N, C-alpha and C. Protein backbone atom coordinates (compact mmCIF):
# COMPACT_ATOMS: atom_id res chain seq x y z
N MET A 1 27.88 -49.30 116.25
CA MET A 1 29.77 -49.32 114.95
C MET A 1 30.57 -50.28 116.17
N GLU A 2 30.89 -49.44 117.11
CA GLU A 2 31.63 -50.05 118.61
C GLU A 2 31.44 -51.46 118.90
N VAL A 3 30.00 -51.82 118.23
CA VAL A 3 29.99 -53.13 119.04
C VAL A 3 30.59 -54.13 118.15
N PHE A 4 30.20 -54.02 116.49
CA PHE A 4 30.89 -54.34 116.07
C PHE A 4 33.00 -54.89 116.16
N ASP A 5 32.84 -53.55 116.58
CA ASP A 5 34.13 -52.87 116.55
C ASP A 5 35.08 -54.29 117.74
N ILE A 6 33.97 -54.25 118.63
CA ILE A 6 34.40 -54.66 119.51
C ILE A 6 35.00 -56.22 120.30
N ILE A 7 33.60 -56.81 119.02
CA ILE A 7 33.60 -58.22 118.39
C ILE A 7 34.61 -57.90 117.44
N GLY A 8 34.77 -57.50 116.81
CA GLY A 8 35.82 -57.77 116.16
C GLY A 8 37.16 -57.95 116.42
N GLN A 9 37.16 -56.94 118.05
CA GLN A 9 39.23 -57.25 118.41
C GLN A 9 39.19 -58.18 119.23
N LYS A 10 38.04 -58.70 119.66
CA LYS A 10 37.85 -59.88 120.53
C LYS A 10 38.81 -61.03 119.08
N GLU A 11 38.05 -61.30 118.50
CA GLU A 11 38.63 -62.36 117.66
C GLU A 11 39.16 -62.34 116.78
N VAL A 12 40.62 -60.95 116.87
CA VAL A 12 41.09 -61.83 116.36
C VAL A 12 42.48 -61.53 117.36
N TYR A 13 42.54 -61.24 117.80
CA TYR A 13 43.35 -62.21 118.99
C TYR A 13 43.17 -63.61 119.52
N SER A 14 41.76 -64.29 119.21
CA SER A 14 41.34 -65.62 119.10
C SER A 14 41.86 -66.26 117.82
N GLY A 15 42.62 -65.77 117.58
CA GLY A 15 42.98 -66.53 115.55
C GLY A 15 42.21 -66.95 114.95
N VAL A 16 40.89 -67.66 114.33
CA VAL A 16 40.37 -67.91 113.81
C VAL A 16 39.06 -66.71 114.05
N SER A 17 39.00 -65.52 113.23
CA SER A 17 37.51 -64.99 114.09
C SER A 17 36.76 -63.60 112.87
N LEU A 18 35.86 -63.79 113.04
CA LEU A 18 34.10 -63.59 112.17
C LEU A 18 34.72 -62.12 112.10
N ASN A 19 34.76 -61.53 110.98
CA ASN A 19 35.17 -60.09 110.04
C ASN A 19 34.09 -60.08 110.47
N THR A 20 33.49 -58.59 111.37
CA THR A 20 32.33 -58.67 110.73
C THR A 20 31.89 -56.53 110.45
N ASN A 21 33.19 -56.55 109.96
CA ASN A 21 33.52 -55.32 108.91
C ASN A 21 32.87 -55.46 107.10
N PHE A 22 32.02 -55.39 106.84
CA PHE A 22 31.04 -56.29 106.19
C PHE A 22 32.32 -56.18 104.65
N LEU A 23 32.74 -55.35 104.07
CA LEU A 23 32.77 -54.98 103.14
C LEU A 23 34.04 -54.93 102.55
N GLU A 24 35.32 -55.38 103.85
CA GLU A 24 36.74 -55.66 104.43
C GLU A 24 36.10 -57.30 103.91
N ALA A 25 35.68 -57.63 104.35
CA ALA A 25 35.36 -58.90 104.46
C ALA A 25 35.06 -59.15 103.03
N ASN A 26 34.05 -58.61 101.73
CA ASN A 26 33.45 -58.65 101.34
C ASN A 26 34.52 -59.13 99.92
N VAL A 27 35.05 -58.33 100.54
CA VAL A 27 36.59 -58.07 99.16
C VAL A 27 37.34 -59.04 99.64
N LEU A 28 38.12 -59.46 100.46
CA LEU A 28 38.75 -60.23 101.26
C LEU A 28 38.13 -61.84 100.75
N ASN A 29 36.70 -61.70 100.99
CA ASN A 29 36.53 -63.35 100.30
C ASN A 29 35.64 -63.39 98.32
N ILE A 30 36.11 -62.38 97.85
CA ILE A 30 36.25 -62.33 95.92
C ILE A 30 37.41 -62.36 95.76
N ILE A 31 38.35 -61.86 96.60
CA ILE A 31 39.54 -62.22 96.43
C ILE A 31 39.70 -63.97 96.71
N LEU A 32 39.44 -64.28 97.32
CA LEU A 32 40.01 -65.49 97.85
C LEU A 32 39.62 -66.92 96.87
N LEU A 33 38.33 -66.39 96.47
CA LEU A 33 36.88 -67.12 95.86
C LEU A 33 37.43 -66.88 94.62
N LEU A 34 38.25 -66.13 93.80
CA LEU A 34 38.62 -65.50 92.69
C LEU A 34 39.93 -66.29 91.84
N ALA A 35 40.50 -66.49 93.03
CA ALA A 35 41.94 -67.07 94.10
C ALA A 35 41.81 -68.63 93.81
N GLY A 36 41.30 -69.62 94.58
CA GLY A 36 40.44 -70.48 94.08
C GLY A 36 39.65 -71.34 92.98
N LEU A 37 39.27 -69.71 92.35
CA LEU A 37 38.57 -70.05 91.02
C LEU A 37 39.81 -70.15 89.94
N ILE A 38 40.86 -69.60 90.37
CA ILE A 38 41.63 -69.25 89.02
C ILE A 38 41.94 -70.98 89.55
N TYR A 39 43.20 -71.02 90.32
CA TYR A 39 43.50 -72.25 90.58
C TYR A 39 42.92 -73.62 89.77
N VAL A 40 41.45 -73.99 90.37
CA VAL A 40 40.56 -75.41 90.39
C VAL A 40 39.99 -74.32 89.02
N LEU A 41 40.24 -73.31 88.02
CA LEU A 41 39.37 -72.92 86.52
C LEU A 41 40.78 -73.74 85.90
N ARG A 42 42.07 -72.72 86.41
CA ARG A 42 42.33 -72.83 85.32
C ARG A 42 42.86 -73.62 83.72
N LYS A 43 43.64 -75.44 84.42
CA LYS A 43 43.13 -76.12 84.07
C LYS A 43 42.39 -76.61 83.10
N PHE A 44 41.28 -76.51 83.55
CA PHE A 44 40.16 -76.83 82.43
C PHE A 44 39.32 -75.88 81.99
N LEU A 45 39.78 -74.27 82.70
CA LEU A 45 39.54 -73.69 81.46
C LEU A 45 40.30 -72.91 79.80
N GLY A 46 41.49 -73.82 80.77
CA GLY A 46 42.50 -73.96 79.63
C GLY A 46 43.32 -74.80 78.61
N SER A 47 43.17 -75.87 79.20
CA SER A 47 41.94 -77.24 78.19
C SER A 47 40.72 -76.85 77.29
N ILE A 48 40.31 -75.81 77.22
CA ILE A 48 38.60 -75.89 77.13
C ILE A 48 39.46 -74.68 75.97
N LEU A 49 40.17 -73.32 76.12
CA LEU A 49 40.71 -72.44 75.57
C LEU A 49 42.08 -73.30 73.97
N SER A 50 42.35 -74.10 74.88
CA SER A 50 43.18 -74.84 73.72
C SER A 50 43.10 -75.26 72.77
N VAL A 51 41.50 -76.65 72.92
CA VAL A 51 40.48 -76.74 71.99
C VAL A 51 39.98 -76.37 71.42
N ARG A 52 39.53 -75.28 71.48
CA ARG A 52 38.61 -74.41 70.75
C ARG A 52 40.01 -73.24 70.16
N GLN A 53 41.53 -73.48 70.70
CA GLN A 53 41.94 -72.21 69.40
C GLN A 53 42.53 -73.74 68.52
N SER A 54 42.26 -74.76 68.97
CA SER A 54 43.16 -75.61 67.72
C SER A 54 41.36 -76.22 66.63
N LYS A 55 40.91 -76.08 66.98
CA LYS A 55 40.09 -75.44 66.88
C LYS A 55 39.91 -74.29 65.69
N VAL A 56 39.71 -73.21 66.16
CA VAL A 56 40.27 -72.41 65.39
C VAL A 56 41.17 -72.48 63.94
N LEU A 57 42.10 -72.95 64.55
CA LEU A 57 43.27 -73.16 63.78
C LEU A 57 42.73 -74.03 62.84
N PHE A 58 42.99 -75.16 62.57
CA PHE A 58 42.26 -75.83 62.28
C PHE A 58 40.78 -75.86 60.76
N ALA A 59 40.00 -75.00 61.22
CA ALA A 59 39.26 -74.50 60.72
C ALA A 59 39.77 -73.14 59.54
N ILE A 60 40.75 -72.88 60.04
CA ILE A 60 41.64 -71.54 59.16
C ILE A 60 42.25 -72.06 58.29
N ARG A 61 43.12 -73.61 58.68
CA ARG A 61 44.16 -74.59 58.03
C ARG A 61 42.91 -74.89 56.87
N GLU A 62 41.92 -75.66 57.09
CA GLU A 62 41.52 -76.09 56.16
C GLU A 62 39.84 -74.94 55.01
N SER A 63 39.88 -73.59 55.85
CA SER A 63 39.68 -73.11 54.91
C SER A 63 40.48 -72.36 54.04
N GLU A 64 41.77 -72.24 54.44
CA GLU A 64 43.15 -71.76 53.35
C GLU A 64 43.10 -73.05 51.93
N GLU A 65 43.44 -73.98 52.67
CA GLU A 65 43.64 -75.39 52.05
C GLU A 65 41.48 -75.56 50.76
N ARG A 66 40.28 -75.21 51.53
CA ARG A 66 40.36 -74.88 49.78
C ARG A 66 40.13 -73.87 49.36
N LEU A 67 40.39 -72.27 50.23
CA LEU A 67 40.94 -71.42 48.88
C LEU A 67 42.03 -71.70 47.95
N GLU A 68 43.13 -72.57 48.30
CA GLU A 68 43.66 -72.68 47.74
C GLU A 68 42.93 -73.97 46.98
N GLN A 69 42.43 -74.89 47.11
CA GLN A 69 41.95 -75.84 45.60
C GLN A 69 41.48 -74.55 45.15
N ALA A 70 39.98 -74.04 45.61
CA ALA A 70 39.63 -73.10 44.49
C ALA A 70 40.38 -72.21 43.81
N ASN A 71 40.72 -71.76 44.51
CA ASN A 71 41.85 -71.04 43.23
C ASN A 71 42.36 -71.56 42.13
N ILE A 72 42.33 -72.69 42.03
CA ILE A 72 43.72 -73.86 41.34
C ILE A 72 42.25 -74.26 39.96
N ARG A 73 40.99 -74.68 40.78
CA ARG A 73 39.74 -74.88 39.75
C ARG A 73 40.41 -73.52 39.35
N LEU A 74 39.74 -72.57 40.02
CA LEU A 74 39.41 -71.51 38.58
C LEU A 74 40.50 -71.44 37.32
N ASN A 75 42.22 -71.04 37.96
CA ASN A 75 43.28 -71.07 37.34
C ASN A 75 43.01 -71.75 35.46
N GLU A 76 42.67 -73.58 36.35
CA GLU A 76 41.65 -74.12 36.08
C GLU A 76 40.76 -73.96 34.25
N ALA A 77 39.68 -73.66 35.09
CA ALA A 77 38.50 -73.09 34.24
C ALA A 77 39.05 -72.12 33.28
N GLN A 78 39.97 -71.04 33.79
CA GLN A 78 39.80 -69.91 32.57
C GLN A 78 40.91 -70.05 32.15
N LYS A 79 41.70 -70.91 32.28
CA LYS A 79 42.78 -71.43 31.71
C LYS A 79 41.43 -72.96 30.69
N GLN A 80 40.46 -73.10 30.32
CA GLN A 80 39.35 -73.89 29.88
C GLN A 80 38.41 -72.86 29.15
N LEU A 81 38.78 -72.11 29.57
CA LEU A 81 37.85 -70.74 29.04
C LEU A 81 38.62 -70.55 27.81
N ALA A 82 40.23 -70.07 28.09
CA ALA A 82 40.92 -69.86 27.20
C ALA A 82 40.33 -70.61 26.06
N GLN A 83 40.63 -71.64 25.48
CA GLN A 83 40.35 -72.43 24.85
C GLN A 83 40.09 -73.01 24.16
N THR A 84 38.99 -72.88 24.91
CA THR A 84 36.88 -73.02 24.68
C THR A 84 37.15 -71.30 23.61
N GLN A 85 37.83 -69.93 24.27
CA GLN A 85 37.30 -69.18 23.21
C GLN A 85 38.34 -68.81 21.75
N ILE A 86 39.58 -69.88 22.16
CA ILE A 86 39.51 -69.92 20.69
C ILE A 86 39.29 -70.90 20.37
N ILE A 87 39.41 -71.46 20.23
CA ILE A 87 38.08 -73.06 19.97
C ILE A 87 36.99 -72.16 19.16
N ILE A 88 35.55 -71.17 19.89
CA ILE A 88 34.76 -71.12 18.89
C ILE A 88 35.91 -69.42 17.67
N ASN A 89 36.55 -68.96 18.66
CA ASN A 89 36.73 -68.19 17.43
C ASN A 89 37.54 -68.67 16.14
N GLN A 90 37.73 -69.63 16.41
CA GLN A 90 38.47 -70.68 14.93
C GLN A 90 37.00 -71.47 14.05
N ILE A 91 36.30 -71.55 14.90
CA ILE A 91 34.93 -72.00 14.19
C ILE A 91 33.96 -71.03 13.12
N ILE A 92 34.40 -69.74 14.62
CA ILE A 92 33.41 -67.76 13.46
C ILE A 92 34.50 -68.03 12.13
N GLU A 93 35.71 -68.29 12.50
CA GLU A 93 36.11 -67.99 10.77
C GLU A 93 36.17 -68.63 9.94
N GLU A 94 35.92 -69.94 10.38
CA GLU A 94 35.98 -71.32 9.89
C GLU A 94 34.28 -70.88 9.20
N ALA A 95 33.25 -70.66 9.87
CA ALA A 95 32.00 -70.41 9.95
C ALA A 95 32.25 -69.55 8.56
N GLU A 96 32.47 -68.39 8.64
CA GLU A 96 33.10 -67.31 7.21
C GLU A 96 33.62 -67.84 6.43
N VAL A 97 34.47 -67.61 5.91
CA VAL A 97 35.40 -68.89 5.44
C VAL A 97 34.31 -69.20 4.11
N THR A 98 33.52 -70.35 4.63
CA THR A 98 32.80 -71.51 4.52
C THR A 98 31.81 -70.36 3.67
N ALA A 99 31.33 -69.74 4.21
CA ALA A 99 30.49 -68.91 3.89
C ALA A 99 29.85 -68.22 2.85
N GLN A 100 31.55 -67.52 3.13
CA GLN A 100 32.21 -65.96 1.70
C GLN A 100 32.23 -67.44 0.00
N ARG A 101 33.10 -68.95 0.35
CA ARG A 101 32.73 -69.94 -0.73
C ARG A 101 31.35 -70.44 -1.47
N VAL A 102 30.34 -70.48 0.08
CA VAL A 102 29.81 -70.33 -0.57
C VAL A 102 28.81 -69.33 -1.46
N ARG A 103 29.03 -68.38 -0.93
CA ARG A 103 28.29 -67.48 -1.50
C ARG A 103 29.16 -66.56 -3.19
N GLN A 104 30.14 -67.17 -2.47
CA GLN A 104 30.37 -66.85 -4.06
C GLN A 104 30.82 -67.93 -4.91
N SER A 105 30.38 -69.49 -5.09
CA SER A 105 29.70 -70.45 -4.93
C SER A 105 28.37 -70.24 -6.25
N ILE A 106 27.91 -69.72 -5.01
CA ILE A 106 26.17 -69.54 -5.88
C ILE A 106 26.06 -68.09 -6.68
N LEU A 107 26.76 -67.13 -6.75
CA LEU A 107 26.99 -66.06 -7.65
C LEU A 107 27.34 -66.39 -8.56
N GLU A 108 28.44 -67.34 -9.07
CA GLU A 108 29.52 -67.81 -9.60
C GLU A 108 28.16 -68.64 -10.52
N GLN A 109 27.37 -69.88 -9.89
CA GLN A 109 26.24 -70.59 -9.78
C GLN A 109 25.09 -69.54 -11.14
N GLY A 110 25.32 -68.04 -10.24
CA GLY A 110 24.08 -67.71 -10.88
C GLY A 110 24.33 -66.54 -12.29
N LYS A 111 25.71 -66.85 -11.87
CA LYS A 111 26.30 -66.02 -13.51
C LYS A 111 26.21 -66.51 -14.61
N SER A 112 26.67 -67.74 -14.47
CA SER A 112 26.42 -69.41 -15.32
C SER A 112 25.03 -69.19 -15.45
N ASP A 113 24.03 -69.46 -14.76
CA ASP A 113 22.78 -69.80 -14.53
C ASP A 113 22.28 -68.87 -15.81
N ILE A 114 22.47 -66.94 -15.58
CA ILE A 114 21.72 -66.14 -16.11
C ILE A 114 23.03 -66.14 -18.41
N ASP A 115 24.28 -66.20 -17.53
CA ASP A 115 24.79 -66.52 -19.35
C ASP A 115 24.07 -67.29 -19.97
N LYS A 116 23.54 -68.79 -19.39
CA LYS A 116 22.94 -69.90 -19.91
C LYS A 116 21.23 -69.44 -21.21
N LEU A 117 20.43 -68.56 -19.74
CA LEU A 117 18.95 -68.34 -19.99
C LEU A 117 19.81 -66.96 -21.26
N THR A 118 20.06 -65.90 -20.65
CA THR A 118 20.61 -65.25 -21.68
C THR A 118 20.84 -65.39 -23.59
N ALA A 119 21.89 -66.02 -23.41
CA ALA A 119 22.51 -67.11 -24.93
C ALA A 119 21.22 -68.18 -25.30
N SER A 120 19.73 -69.17 -24.77
CA SER A 120 18.82 -69.06 -24.84
C SER A 120 18.17 -68.37 -25.27
N SER A 121 18.17 -67.48 -24.44
CA SER A 121 16.82 -65.88 -25.06
C SER A 121 16.89 -65.43 -26.51
N LYS A 122 18.45 -64.66 -26.54
CA LYS A 122 19.41 -64.62 -28.02
C LYS A 122 18.89 -65.63 -28.87
N ALA A 123 19.23 -67.21 -28.76
CA ALA A 123 19.07 -68.47 -29.80
C ALA A 123 17.50 -68.05 -29.81
N SER A 124 17.17 -67.77 -29.10
CA SER A 124 15.80 -68.36 -29.67
C SER A 124 14.09 -66.73 -30.21
N ILE A 125 15.14 -65.99 -30.03
CA ILE A 125 14.61 -63.90 -30.82
C ILE A 125 14.91 -64.49 -32.46
N LYS A 126 16.41 -64.74 -31.66
CA LYS A 126 17.08 -64.96 -33.64
C LYS A 126 16.50 -66.61 -34.16
N ALA A 127 16.08 -66.98 -33.63
CA ALA A 127 15.39 -68.34 -34.21
C ALA A 127 13.47 -67.71 -34.75
N ALA A 128 13.11 -66.87 -34.39
CA ALA A 128 12.40 -66.12 -34.36
C ALA A 128 11.56 -65.23 -35.76
N GLU A 129 12.90 -64.46 -34.84
CA GLU A 129 13.35 -62.97 -35.78
C GLU A 129 13.96 -63.41 -37.35
N THR A 130 14.25 -65.13 -37.58
CA THR A 130 14.73 -65.96 -38.60
C THR A 130 12.85 -66.58 -39.01
N GLN A 131 11.92 -67.00 -39.01
CA GLN A 131 10.78 -67.42 -38.81
C GLN A 131 9.77 -66.36 -38.55
N VAL A 132 9.96 -64.69 -38.82
CA VAL A 132 9.52 -64.29 -39.25
C VAL A 132 10.36 -63.04 -40.21
N ARG A 133 10.76 -62.97 -40.75
CA ARG A 133 11.45 -62.89 -42.29
C ARG A 133 11.33 -63.60 -43.44
N LEU A 134 11.13 -64.65 -43.17
CA LEU A 134 10.99 -65.88 -43.72
C LEU A 134 9.43 -66.24 -44.15
N GLN A 135 9.13 -66.42 -42.91
CA GLN A 135 6.94 -65.75 -42.99
C GLN A 135 7.08 -64.35 -44.50
N ILE A 136 7.36 -62.75 -43.55
CA ILE A 136 7.31 -61.49 -44.00
C ILE A 136 7.76 -62.35 -46.13
N GLN A 137 8.89 -62.73 -46.23
CA GLN A 137 9.29 -63.08 -47.52
C GLN A 137 8.50 -63.70 -48.00
N GLN A 138 8.14 -64.73 -47.09
CA GLN A 138 6.71 -65.33 -48.55
C GLN A 138 5.60 -65.15 -48.38
N GLN A 139 5.58 -64.65 -47.61
CA GLN A 139 4.22 -63.59 -47.97
C GLN A 139 4.20 -62.19 -48.80
N VAL A 140 5.67 -61.23 -48.75
CA VAL A 140 6.10 -60.81 -50.27
C VAL A 140 5.75 -61.57 -50.94
N THR A 141 6.48 -61.94 -51.41
CA THR A 141 6.61 -63.21 -52.16
C THR A 141 5.48 -63.52 -53.30
N SER A 142 4.79 -64.41 -51.91
CA SER A 142 2.79 -64.57 -52.74
C SER A 142 2.54 -63.50 -53.49
N LEU A 143 2.46 -62.44 -52.16
CA LEU A 143 1.52 -60.98 -53.15
C LEU A 143 2.45 -60.16 -54.12
N ALA A 144 3.46 -60.14 -54.08
CA ALA A 144 3.71 -59.98 -55.64
C ALA A 144 3.74 -60.98 -56.91
N ILE A 145 3.73 -61.80 -56.55
CA ILE A 145 2.76 -62.68 -57.29
C ILE A 145 2.62 -62.19 -57.71
N LYS A 146 1.39 -62.80 -56.97
CA LYS A 146 -0.28 -61.41 -56.72
C LYS A 146 -0.11 -60.94 -58.08
N LYS A 147 0.16 -59.90 -57.44
CA LYS A 147 0.31 -58.45 -57.93
C LYS A 147 0.90 -58.49 -59.37
N VAL A 148 2.18 -59.81 -60.10
CA VAL A 148 2.37 -60.08 -61.01
C VAL A 148 1.37 -60.18 -62.03
N SER A 149 0.99 -61.18 -61.06
CA SER A 149 0.10 -61.95 -62.17
C SER A 149 -1.62 -61.56 -62.48
N ILE A 150 -1.99 -60.69 -61.56
CA ILE A 150 -3.17 -59.61 -61.88
C ILE A 150 -2.76 -58.55 -62.69
N GLN A 151 -1.29 -58.31 -62.25
CA GLN A 151 -0.71 -57.16 -63.81
C GLN A 151 -0.32 -58.21 -65.17
N LEU A 152 -0.20 -59.04 -65.13
CA LEU A 152 0.13 -59.61 -66.38
C LEU A 152 -1.02 -60.06 -67.26
N GLN A 153 -2.09 -60.18 -66.01
CA GLN A 153 -3.31 -60.99 -66.74
C GLN A 153 -4.17 -59.43 -67.03
N ASN A 154 -3.93 -58.39 -67.15
CA ASN A 154 -4.80 -57.36 -67.36
C ASN A 154 -3.69 -57.08 -67.86
N GLN A 155 -2.62 -56.96 -68.53
CA GLN A 155 -2.06 -56.53 -69.49
C GLN A 155 -1.90 -57.72 -70.42
N MET A 156 -1.80 -58.49 -70.64
CA MET A 156 -1.57 -59.86 -71.57
C MET A 156 -2.98 -59.73 -72.54
N THR A 157 -2.00 -59.80 -74.01
CA THR A 157 -2.61 -60.40 -74.89
C THR A 157 -2.92 -61.52 -75.62
N SER A 158 -3.68 -61.84 -75.88
CA SER A 158 -3.33 -63.68 -76.86
C SER A 158 -2.26 -63.83 -77.15
N ALA A 159 -1.57 -62.51 -78.37
CA ALA A 159 -0.47 -62.61 -78.82
C ALA A 159 0.80 -62.70 -78.04
N MET A 160 0.82 -61.83 -76.30
CA MET A 160 2.30 -62.11 -75.96
C MET A 160 2.04 -63.28 -75.80
N GLN A 161 1.08 -63.78 -74.65
CA GLN A 161 0.66 -65.03 -74.57
C GLN A 161 1.34 -67.07 -75.82
N THR A 162 1.03 -66.05 -76.71
CA THR A 162 1.33 -66.73 -77.99
C THR A 162 3.07 -66.71 -78.24
N GLN A 163 3.38 -65.63 -77.75
CA GLN A 163 4.90 -65.46 -78.42
C GLN A 163 5.63 -65.49 -77.14
N ILE A 164 5.18 -65.67 -75.90
CA ILE A 164 5.65 -66.32 -74.54
C ILE A 164 5.78 -68.09 -74.42
N ILE A 165 4.45 -68.69 -75.50
CA ILE A 165 4.89 -70.07 -75.16
C ILE A 165 5.65 -70.40 -76.79
N ASP A 166 6.07 -69.69 -77.50
CA ASP A 166 6.74 -69.97 -78.63
C ASP A 166 8.31 -70.60 -78.29
N GLN A 167 9.07 -69.32 -77.55
CA GLN A 167 9.98 -68.56 -76.42
C GLN A 167 10.29 -70.16 -75.69
N ASN A 168 9.44 -70.71 -74.88
CA ASN A 168 8.98 -71.76 -73.33
C ASN A 168 9.73 -72.61 -74.58
N ILE A 169 9.23 -73.00 -76.16
CA ILE A 169 8.96 -74.40 -77.04
C ILE A 169 10.60 -74.34 -76.98
N MET A 170 11.51 -73.28 -77.95
CA MET A 170 12.48 -72.76 -78.87
C MET A 170 13.30 -72.81 -77.49
N GLN A 171 13.42 -73.13 -76.43
CA GLN A 171 14.40 -73.46 -75.72
C GLN A 171 14.05 -74.23 -75.03
N LEU A 172 13.24 -74.78 -75.24
CA LEU A 172 13.48 -76.93 -74.53
C LEU A 172 13.61 -77.11 -75.45
N GLN A 173 13.21 -76.96 -76.90
CA GLN A 173 13.93 -77.00 -78.23
C GLN A 173 16.16 -77.57 -77.98
N GLY A 174 16.01 -76.41 -77.55
CA GLY A 174 17.78 -76.34 -77.52
C GLY A 174 18.05 -77.17 -76.39
N LYS A 175 17.55 -76.41 -75.36
CA LYS A 175 18.05 -78.26 -74.37
C LYS A 175 17.37 -79.29 -74.83
N ILE A 176 16.96 -79.46 -75.64
CA ILE A 176 16.49 -81.34 -76.09
C ILE A 176 17.86 -81.03 -76.26
N LYS A 177 18.36 -80.54 -77.10
CA LYS A 177 19.49 -80.62 -78.62
C LYS A 177 19.86 -81.03 -78.41
N LEU A 178 20.57 -80.22 -77.29
CA LEU A 178 21.85 -80.14 -76.65
C LEU A 178 22.58 -82.03 -75.68
């Protein structure tokens, strides 16, 4: 190390010299390199950073504008949804009212049809009853006449027949004179 120190001292006296202490030289070189780089690259890096910053700010502004537009569209969509919901509720109410009216109309028509059928059935039953009564009366009358005829034939004598005929003739003569 002494050899390097001697060379280092000689060069210090002559002006620009070679620093043989590599630890000090590295630090000095690094400091000089950094200073040079900062000086040279400051404008270059500054312009890149400012461009990057402006791009980021532009992207943020653009995102905020899109967010505002999205919020506006969301509010409009919510208003439209509310209006649509109101219309749907009105349609449902109208459908329920219409269904109630149709149901009531069907019930009334059904009652009317039932009343007509009941009246028609009663009339048919009454007509059938009347017809059956007439048939029964005719049969009873027919049977009564047959029975009376049979009894008359069994009980009637020729003297009774002559007396009935004479009475009928006299009644006829009295009606003819009048």
